[in-house]
Amino acid sequence: MPTKLSVNINKVATIRNARGGNNPDVLRVAQDCERFGAQGITVHPRPDQRHIRYQDVRDLKPLLTTEFNIEGNPISEFIALVLENRPTQVTLVPDGHDQITSNHGWDTRTHLDFLTDVTARFKAAGIRVSIFVNADEAMVDYAARAGADRVELYTEPYAAAMAAITVSEGSSEGNRLRAAAIAPFIRAAQTARDLGLGLNAGHDLSLNNLAYFHQQIPWTDEVSIGHALICDALYLGLEETIKRYLACLK
């Protein structure tokens, strides 16, 4: 199956919230993303509701026709919201209340008991569970032990390493640096596949690095992309931007 593109619309909600009112309309943007070819919509509601609000989740659920992915830290309010709306997938992310954005994956070994309990609750409700992890084979292994259906690899280190490469793409040094940047992700992805886990990826994936990631790990089930995609849409338009991201996944 081809890798799916799930568009994270948090940044659209951030713009809306900056002025109040309903411009831009988060619901319309989500439906437009689907209409332009995205195979999923991702939201990450945080307790302070600084971008996606809990009510947005409730309003989106009956409108979406593709996969709905709700990600976040499984505090009690988040768990209740997910169980109320029953998305296709829930992605468990260990972010604190004061984090600007997610910046690390779970220590699945340390939090194994907690993750096992939460995962079981969601799976009992028929919700696919993905656990956000660093590109570390041990963390992938313990996510499997917790009962996860998938892991999502935290790809910011890959994106940062790719952005730091200044030599030409065709040069031997450029090829070596790109191979080094992707190597831990290939190992983690292979571990996931060996354990029977599905594979997602997200954080700072962009038009500059997505195609290479996909070429090296073509069995990725889904990528979740928000910030870079919305930034590109300011220049290219939303429809053209989604087309270009989809092209990276072919």
C-alpha atoms as a PDB file:
ATOM      1  CA  MET A   1       0.000   0.000   0.000  1.00  0.00           C
ATOM      2  CA  PRO A   2       1.280   3.519  -0.745  1.00  0.00           C
ATOM      3  CA  THR A   3       2.369   5.736   2.106  1.00  0.00           C
ATOM      4  CA  LYS A   4      -0.481   7.972   3.208  1.00  0.00           C
ATOM      5  CA  LEU A   5      -0.220  11.706   3.798  1.00  0.00           C
ATOM      6  CA  SER A   6      -2.010  12.940   6.909  1.00  0.00           C
ATOM      7  CA  VAL A   7      -2.134  16.725   7.121  1.00  0.00           C
ATOM      8  CA  ASN A   8      -1.781  18.209  10.605  1.00  0.00           C
ATOM      9  CA  ILE A   9      -4.017  21.292  10.696  1.00  0.00           C
ATOM     10  CA  ASN A  10      -2.887  22.686  14.043  1.00  0.00           C
ATOM     11  CA  LYS A  11      -1.212  25.709  12.428  1.00  0.00           C
ATOM     12  CA  VAL A  12      -4.460  26.631  10.690  1.00  0.00           C
ATOM     13  CA  ALA A  13      -6.123  26.737  14.104  1.00  0.00           C
ATOM     14  CA  THR A  14      -3.240  28.841  15.451  1.00  0.00           C
ATOM     15  CA  ILE A  15      -3.923  31.513  12.825  1.00  0.00           C
ATOM     16  CA  ARG A  16      -7.651  31.404  13.566  1.00  0.00           C
ATOM     17  CA  ASN A  17      -7.116  31.747  17.291  1.00  0.00           C
ATOM     18  CA  ALA A  18      -4.795  34.731  16.865  1.00  0.00           C
ATOM     19  CA  ARG A  19      -7.737  36.939  15.895  1.00  0.00           C
ATOM     20  CA  GLY A  20     -10.754  35.116  17.266  1.00  0.00           C
ATOM     21  CA  GLY A  21     -13.715  34.364  15.064  1.00  0.00           C
ATOM     22  CA  ASN A  22     -13.570  31.594  12.494  1.00  0.00           C
ATOM     23  CA  ASN A  23     -11.130  32.760   9.844  1.00  0.00           C
ATOM     24  CA  PRO A  24      -9.562  30.594   8.554  1.00  0.00           C
ATOM     25  CA  ASP A  25     -12.238  27.950   8.966  1.00  0.00           C
ATOM     26  CA  VAL A  26     -10.502  24.848  10.349  1.00  0.00           C
ATOM     27  CA  LEU A  27     -13.307  22.543   9.255  1.00  0.00           C
ATOM     28  CA  ARG A  28     -13.271  23.820   5.684  1.00  0.00           C
ATOM     29  CA  VAL A  29      -9.484  23.545   5.466  1.00  0.00           C
ATOM     30  CA  ALA A  30      -9.636  19.933   6.669  1.00  0.00           C
ATOM     31  CA  GLN A  31     -12.227  19.069   4.045  1.00  0.00           C
ATOM     32  CA  ASP A  32     -10.214  20.878   1.372  1.00  0.00           C
ATOM     33  CA  CYS A  33      -7.113  18.858   2.319  1.00  0.00           C
ATOM     34  CA  GLU A  34      -9.128  15.694   1.770  1.00  0.00           C
ATOM     35  CA  ARG A  35     -10.519  17.014  -1.504  1.00  0.00           C
ATOM     36  CA  PHE A  36      -7.003  17.828  -2.726  1.00  0.00           C
ATOM     37  CA  GLY A  37      -5.831  14.265  -2.093  1.00  0.00           C
ATOM     38  CA  ALA A  38      -4.656  13.982   1.508  1.00  0.00           C
ATOM     39  CA  GLN A  39      -5.516  10.570   2.913  1.00  0.00           C
ATOM     40  CA  GLY A  40      -5.834  11.703   6.522  1.00  0.00           C
ATOM     41  CA  ILE A  41      -6.212  14.614   8.917  1.00  0.00           C
ATOM     42  CA  THR A  42      -4.183  14.935  12.114  1.00  0.00           C
ATOM     43  CA  VAL A  43      -4.920  17.162  15.098  1.00  0.00           C
ATOM     44  CA  HIS A  44      -2.992  17.599  18.329  1.00  0.00           C
ATOM     45  CA  PRO A  45      -5.227  19.207  20.950  1.00  0.00           C
ATOM     46  CA  ARG A  46      -3.291  20.484  23.962  1.00  0.00           C
ATOM     47  CA  PRO A  47      -4.742  21.330  27.373  1.00  0.00           C
ATOM     48  CA  ASP A  48      -4.355  25.093  26.839  1.00  0.00           C
ATOM     49  CA  GLN A  49      -6.157  24.772  23.465  1.00  0.00           C
ATOM     50  CA  ARG A  50      -3.759  27.265  21.916  1.00  0.00           C
ATOM     51  CA  HIS A  51      -4.426  25.818  18.471  1.00  0.00           C
ATOM     52  CA  ILE A  52      -6.813  22.877  17.970  1.00  0.00           C
ATOM     53  CA  ARG A  53      -9.579  22.995  20.561  1.00  0.00           C
ATOM     54  CA  TYR A  54     -11.397  20.029  22.005  1.00  0.00           C
ATOM     55  CA  GLN A  55     -14.568  21.260  20.306  1.00  0.00           C
ATOM     56  CA  ASP A  56     -12.747  21.241  16.951  1.00  0.00           C
ATOM     57  CA  VAL A  57     -12.207  17.512  17.417  1.00  0.00           C
ATOM     58  CA  ARG A  58     -15.924  16.980  18.010  1.00  0.00           C
ATOM     59  CA  ASP A  59     -16.827  19.096  14.988  1.00  0.00           C
ATOM     60  CA  LEU A  60     -14.331  17.400  12.679  1.00  0.00           C
ATOM     61  CA  LYS A  61     -15.288  13.826  13.483  1.00  0.00           C
ATOM     62  CA  PRO A  62     -18.600  13.656  11.518  1.00  0.00           C
ATOM     63  CA  LEU A  63     -17.212  15.652   8.574  1.00  0.00           C
ATOM     64  CA  LEU A  64     -14.057  13.734   7.689  1.00  0.00           C
ATOM     65  CA  THR A  65     -14.111  10.972   5.105  1.00  0.00           C
ATOM     66  CA  THR A  66     -10.454   9.918   5.385  1.00  0.00           C
ATOM     67  CA  GLU A  67      -8.471   8.676   8.377  1.00  0.00           C
ATOM     68  CA  PHE A  68      -8.705  10.841  11.485  1.00  0.00           C
ATOM     69  CA  ASN A  69      -5.629  10.845  13.728  1.00  0.00           C
ATOM     70  CA  ILE A  70      -5.754  12.486  17.159  1.00  0.00           C
ATOM     71  CA  GLU A  71      -2.364  12.837  18.819  1.00  0.00           C
ATOM     72  CA  GLY A  72      -1.393  14.015  22.261  1.00  0.00           C
ATOM     73  CA  ASN A  73      -0.301  13.233  25.778  1.00  0.00           C
ATOM     74  CA  PRO A  74      -2.777  10.713  27.261  1.00  0.00           C
ATOM     75  CA  ILE A  75      -3.843  12.705  30.302  1.00  0.00           C
ATOM     76  CA  SER A  76      -7.347  11.979  31.555  1.00  0.00           C
ATOM     77  CA  GLU A  77      -9.028  14.747  29.537  1.00  0.00           C
ATOM     78  CA  PHE A  78      -7.313  13.600  26.341  1.00  0.00           C
ATOM     79  CA  ILE A  79      -8.277   9.984  26.918  1.00  0.00           C
ATOM     80  CA  ALA A  80     -11.903  10.984  27.429  1.00  0.00           C
ATOM     81  CA  LEU A  81     -11.888  13.107  24.249  1.00  0.00           C
ATOM     82  CA  VAL A  82     -10.465  10.284  22.137  1.00  0.00           C
ATOM     83  CA  LEU A  83     -12.876   7.701  23.513  1.00  0.00           C
ATOM     84  CA  GLU A  84     -15.780  10.082  22.898  1.00  0.00           C
ATOM     85  CA  ASN A  85     -14.854  10.651  19.247  1.00  0.00           C
ATOM     86  CA  ARG A  86     -13.261   7.319  18.309  1.00  0.00           C
ATOM     87  CA  PRO A  87     -10.878   8.355  15.521  1.00  0.00           C
ATOM     88  CA  THR A  88      -9.194   5.906  13.181  1.00  0.00           C
ATOM     89  CA  GLN A  89      -5.968   6.314  15.119  1.00  0.00           C
ATOM     90  CA  VAL A  90      -4.669   7.815  18.337  1.00  0.00           C
ATOM     91  CA  THR A  91      -0.994   8.724  18.558  1.00  0.00           C
ATOM     92  CA  LEU A  92       0.436   8.857  22.074  1.00  0.00           C
ATOM     93  CA  VAL A  93       2.947  11.707  22.459  1.00  0.00           C
ATOM     94  CA  PRO A  94       4.821  12.543  25.698  1.00  0.00           C
ATOM     95  CA  ASP A  95       4.648  16.331  25.465  1.00  0.00           C
ATOM     96  CA  GLY A  96       4.423  18.577  28.518  1.00  0.00           C
ATOM     97  CA  HIS A  97       1.879  21.355  28.955  1.00  0.00           C
ATOM     98  CA  ASP A  98       4.496  24.068  28.356  1.00  0.00           C
ATOM     99  CA  GLN A  99       6.149  22.604  25.249  1.00  0.00           C
ATOM    100  CA  ILE A 100       5.959  24.673  22.091  1.00  0.00           C
ATOM    101  CA  THR A 101       6.023  21.480  20.063  1.00  0.00           C
ATOM    102  CA  SER A 102       6.829  17.813  20.568  1.00  0.00           C
ATOM    103  CA  ASN A 103      10.572  17.293  20.922  1.00  0.00           C
ATOM    104  CA  HIS A 104      11.123  13.658  21.892  1.00  0.00           C
ATOM    105  CA  GLY A 105       9.520  10.254  21.853  1.00  0.00           C
ATOM    106  CA  TRP A 106       8.424   8.051  24.734  1.00  0.00           C
ATOM    107  CA  ASP A 107      10.813   6.129  26.923  1.00  0.00           C
ATOM    108  CA  THR A 108       8.678   3.076  26.326  1.00  0.00           C
ATOM    109  CA  ARG A 109      10.730   0.910  28.663  1.00  0.00           C
ATOM    110  CA  THR A 110      10.285   3.214  31.665  1.00  0.00           C
ATOM    111  CA  HIS A 111       6.606   3.885  30.944  1.00  0.00           C
ATOM    112  CA  LEU A 112       5.726   0.381  29.773  1.00  0.00           C
ATOM    113  CA  ASP A 113       3.006  -0.274  32.358  1.00  0.00           C
ATOM    114  CA  PHE A 114       1.311   3.073  31.763  1.00  0.00           C
ATOM    115  CA  LEU A 115       1.452   2.753  27.977  1.00  0.00           C
ATOM    116  CA  THR A 116       0.180  -0.816  28.130  1.00  0.00           C
ATOM    117  CA  ASP A 117      -2.873   0.257  30.150  1.00  0.00           C
ATOM    118  CA  VAL A 118      -3.684   3.250  27.942  1.00  0.00           C
ATOM    119  CA  THR A 119      -3.149   1.282  24.740  1.00  0.00           C
ATOM    120  CA  ALA A 120      -5.490  -1.453  25.919  1.00  0.00           C
ATOM    121  CA  ARG A 121      -8.242   1.095  26.657  1.00  0.00           C
ATOM    122  CA  PHE A 122      -8.064   2.588  23.182  1.00  0.00           C
ATOM    123  CA  LYS A 123      -7.808  -0.754  21.386  1.00  0.00           C
ATOM    124  CA  ALA A 124     -10.840  -2.023  23.286  1.00  0.00           C
ATOM    125  CA  ALA A 125     -12.727   0.897  21.717  1.00  0.00           C
ATOM    126  CA  GLY A 126     -11.590  -0.135  18.231  1.00  0.00           C
ATOM    127  CA  ILE A 127      -9.015   2.641  17.853  1.00  0.00           C
ATOM    128  CA  ARG A 128      -5.639   1.955  16.252  1.00  0.00           C
ATOM    129  CA  VAL A 129      -2.814   2.976  18.586  1.00  0.00           C
ATOM    130  CA  SER A 130       0.505   4.492  17.494  1.00  0.00           C
ATOM    131  CA  ILE A 131       3.238   5.392  19.986  1.00  0.00           C
ATOM    132  CA  PHE A 132       5.617   8.279  19.239  1.00  0.00           C
ATOM    133  CA  VAL A 133       9.235   7.158  19.671  1.00  0.00           C
ATOM    134  CA  ASN A 134      12.764   8.237  18.867  1.00  0.00           C
ATOM    135  CA  ALA A 135      14.648   6.257  16.232  1.00  0.00           C
ATOM    136  CA  ASP A 136      15.813   3.707  18.787  1.00  0.00           C
ATOM    137  CA  GLU A 137      15.320  -0.019  18.316  1.00  0.00           C
ATOM    138  CA  ALA A 138      14.797  -0.610  22.043  1.00  0.00           C
ATOM    139  CA  MET A 139      12.029   1.998  22.212  1.00  0.00           C
ATOM    140  CA  VAL A 140      10.334   0.364  19.232  1.00  0.00           C
ATOM    141  CA  ASP A 141      10.607  -3.026  20.914  1.00  0.00           C
ATOM    142  CA  TYR A 142       8.973  -1.823  24.120  1.00  0.00           C
ATOM    143  CA  ALA A 143       6.218  -0.080  22.148  1.00  0.00           C
ATOM    144  CA  ALA A 144       5.414  -3.490  20.702  1.00  0.00           C
ATOM    145  CA  ARG A 145       5.400  -4.970  24.209  1.00  0.00           C
ATOM    146  CA  ALA A 146       2.912  -2.266  25.230  1.00  0.00           C
ATOM    147  CA  GLY A 147       0.530  -3.561  22.578  1.00  0.00           C
ATOM    148  CA  ALA A 148       0.850  -0.727  20.045  1.00  0.00           C
ATOM    149  CA  ASP A 149      -0.336  -1.282  16.496  1.00  0.00           C
ATOM    150  CA  ARG A 150       2.206   1.180  15.114  1.00  0.00           C
ATOM    151  CA  VAL A 151       5.069   3.444  16.103  1.00  0.00           C
ATOM    152  CA  GLU A 152       5.583   6.959  14.812  1.00  0.00           C
ATOM    153  CA  LEU A 153       9.238   7.848  14.413  1.00  0.00           C
ATOM    154  CA  TYR A 154      10.182  11.330  15.651  1.00  0.00           C
ATOM    155  CA  THR A 155      11.967  12.659  12.575  1.00  0.00           C
ATOM    156  CA  GLU A 156      13.276  16.074  13.701  1.00  0.00           C
ATOM    157  CA  PRO A 157      16.871  14.770  14.085  1.00  0.00           C
ATOM    158  CA  TYR A 158      16.737  13.445  10.525  1.00  0.00           C
ATOM    159  CA  ALA A 159      15.356  16.742   9.206  1.00  0.00           C
ATOM    160  CA  ALA A 160      17.998  18.762  11.062  1.00  0.00           C
ATOM    161  CA  ALA A 161      20.810  16.567   9.751  1.00  0.00           C
ATOM    162  CA  MET A 162      19.513  16.873   6.194  1.00  0.00           C
ATOM    163  CA  ALA A 163      19.210  20.655   6.484  1.00  0.00           C
ATOM    164  CA  ALA A 164      22.834  20.898   7.630  1.00  0.00           C
ATOM    165  CA  ILE A 165      24.151  19.208   4.478  1.00  0.00           C
ATOM    166  CA  THR A 166      25.629  21.875   2.208  1.00  0.00           C
ATOM    167  CA  VAL A 167      27.457  19.763  -0.379  1.00  0.00           C
ATOM    168  CA  SER A 168      25.769  18.848  -3.640  1.00  0.00           C
ATOM    169  CA  GLU A 169      23.315  15.981  -3.723  1.00  0.00           C
ATOM    170  CA  GLY A 170      25.226  13.948  -6.280  1.00  0.00           C
ATOM    171  CA  SER A 171      28.597  14.144  -4.552  1.00  0.00           C
ATOM    172  CA  SER A 172      30.051  11.206  -2.635  1.00  0.00           C
ATOM    173  CA  GLU A 173      30.247  13.304   0.522  1.00  0.00           C
ATOM    174  CA  GLY A 174      26.634  14.370   0.149  1.00  0.00           C
ATOM    175  CA  ASN A 175      25.552  10.786  -0.327  1.00  0.00           C
ATOM    176  CA  ARG A 176      27.524   9.752   2.754  1.00  0.00           C
ATOM    177  CA  LEU A 177      25.961  12.463   4.914  1.00  0.00           C
ATOM    178  CA  ARG A 178      22.449  11.662   3.747  1.00  0.00           C
ATOM    179  CA  ALA A 179      23.002   7.979   4.421  1.00  0.00           C
ATOM    180  CA  ALA A 180      24.230   8.806   7.923  1.00  0.00           C
ATOM    181  CA  ALA A 181      21.182  10.978   8.579  1.00  0.00           C
ATOM    182  CA  ILE A 182      18.719   8.247   7.653  1.00  0.00           C
ATOM    183  CA  ALA A 183      20.610   5.251   9.069  1.00  0.00           C
ATOM    184  CA  PRO A 184      19.106   5.172  12.595  1.00  0.00           C
ATOM    185  CA  PHE A 185      15.631   5.558  11.138  1.00  0.00           C
ATOM    186  CA  ILE A 186      16.157   2.627   8.800  1.00  0.00           C
ATOM    187  CA  ARG A 187      17.267   0.495  11.740  1.00  0.00           C
ATOM    188  CA  ALA A 188      14.263   1.518  13.838  1.00  0.00           C
ATOM    189  CA  ALA A 189      11.894   1.038  10.901  1.00  0.00           C
ATOM    190  CA  GLN A 190      13.305  -2.411  10.204  1.00  0.00           C
ATOM    191  CA  THR A 191      12.838  -3.334  13.859  1.00  0.00           C
ATOM    192  CA  ALA A 192       9.210  -2.222  13.678  1.00  0.00           C
ATOM    193  CA  ARG A 193       8.650  -4.320  10.579  1.00  0.00           C
ATOM    194  CA  ASP A 194      10.332  -7.347  12.142  1.00  0.00           C
ATOM    195  CA  LEU A 195       8.046  -7.002  15.180  1.00  0.00           C
ATOM    196  CA  GLY A 196       4.916  -6.738  13.045  1.00  0.00           C
ATOM    197  CA  LEU A 197       4.311  -3.077  13.851  1.00  0.00           C
ATOM    198  CA  GLY A 198       2.988  -0.550  11.390  1.00  0.00           C
ATOM    199  CA  LEU A 199       5.190   2.479  10.788  1.00  0.00           C
ATOM    200  CA  ASN A 200       4.379   6.187  10.825  1.00  0.00           C
ATOM    201  CA  ALA A 201       6.751   9.161  10.762  1.00  0.00           C
ATOM    202  CA  GLY A 202       6.482  12.815  11.562  1.00  0.00           C
ATOM    203  CA  HIS A 203       8.020  16.084  12.732  1.00  0.00           C
ATOM    204  CA  ASP A 204       9.815  18.524  10.440  1.00  0.00           C
ATOM    205  CA  LEU A 205       9.337  16.383   7.352  1.00  0.00           C
ATOM    206  CA  SER A 206       9.187  18.706   4.355  1.00  0.00           C
ATOM    207  CA  LEU A 207       9.525  18.963   0.597  1.00  0.00           C
ATOM    208  CA  ASN A 208      13.288  19.130   1.157  1.00  0.00           C
ATOM    209  CA  ASN A 209      13.629  15.776   2.916  1.00  0.00           C
ATOM    210  CA  LEU A 210      10.461  13.705   2.497  1.00  0.00           C
ATOM    211  CA  ALA A 211      11.265  12.038  -0.824  1.00  0.00           C
ATOM    212  CA  TYR A 212      14.624  10.698   0.394  1.00  0.00           C
ATOM    213  CA  PHE A 213      13.054   9.417   3.611  1.00  0.00           C
ATOM    214  CA  HIS A 214      10.413   7.591   1.610  1.00  0.00           C
ATOM    215  CA  GLN A 215      12.910   6.194  -0.867  1.00  0.00           C
ATOM    216  CA  GLN A 216      14.923   4.691   1.971  1.00  0.00           C
ATOM    217  CA  ILE A 217      11.950   3.465   4.046  1.00  0.00           C
ATOM    218  CA  PRO A 218       9.223   2.782   1.466  1.00  0.00           C
ATOM    219  CA  TRP A 219       7.210   0.587   3.831  1.00  0.00           C
ATOM    220  CA  THR A 220       6.209   3.635   5.890  1.00  0.00           C
ATOM    221  CA  ASP A 221       2.433   3.512   6.352  1.00  0.00           C
ATOM    222  CA  GLU A 222       1.812   7.193   7.008  1.00  0.00           C
ATOM    223  CA  VAL A 223       3.540  10.532   7.402  1.00  0.00           C
ATOM    224  CA  SER A 224       1.968  13.298   9.445  1.00  0.00           C
ATOM    225  CA  ILE A 225       3.012  16.770   8.302  1.00  0.00           C
ATOM    226  CA  GLY A 226       1.763  20.130   9.466  1.00  0.00           C
ATOM    227  CA  HIS A 227       4.116  23.065   9.999  1.00  0.00           C
ATOM    228  CA  ALA A 228       6.169  22.771   6.817  1.00  0.00           C
ATOM    229  CA  LEU A 229       3.142  21.962   4.677  1.00  0.00           C
ATOM    230  CA  ILE A 230       1.170  24.973   5.883  1.00  0.00           C
ATOM    231  CA  CYS A 231       4.216  27.221   5.411  1.00  0.00           C
ATOM    232  CA  ASP A 232       4.612  25.958   1.841  1.00  0.00           C
ATOM    233  CA  ALA A 233       0.920  26.544   1.206  1.00  0.00           C
ATOM    234  CA  LEU A 234       1.405  30.273   1.882  1.00  0.00           C
ATOM    235  CA  TYR A 235       3.502  30.431  -1.286  1.00  0.00           C
ATOM    236  CA  LEU A 236       2.207  27.571  -3.404  1.00  0.00           C
ATOM    237  CA  GLY A 237      -1.434  27.343  -2.390  1.00  0.00           C
ATOM    238  CA  LEU A 238      -2.903  24.439  -0.446  1.00  0.00           C
ATOM    239  CA  GLU A 239      -3.881  22.280  -3.421  1.00  0.00           C
ATOM    240  CA  GLU A 240      -0.510  22.552  -5.164  1.00  0.00           C
ATOM    241  CA  THR A 241       1.331  21.961  -1.905  1.00  0.00           C
ATOM    242  CA  ILE A 242      -0.552  18.755  -1.155  1.00  0.00           C
ATOM    243  CA  LYS A 243       0.107  17.548  -4.703  1.00  0.00           C
ATOM    244  CA  ARG A 244       3.837  18.105  -4.220  1.00  0.00           C
ATOM    245  CA  TYR A 245       3.911  16.244  -0.895  1.00  0.00           C
ATOM    246  CA  LEU A 246       1.991  13.355  -2.425  1.00  0.00           C
ATOM    247  CA  ALA A 247       4.500  13.275  -5.288  1.00  0.00           C
ATOM    248  CA  CYS A 248       7.294  12.763  -2.725  1.00  0.00           C
ATOM    249  CA  LEU A 249       5.541   9.595  -1.611  1.00  0.00           C
ATOM    250  CA  LYS A 250       5.349   7.958  -5.037  1.00  0.00           C
END
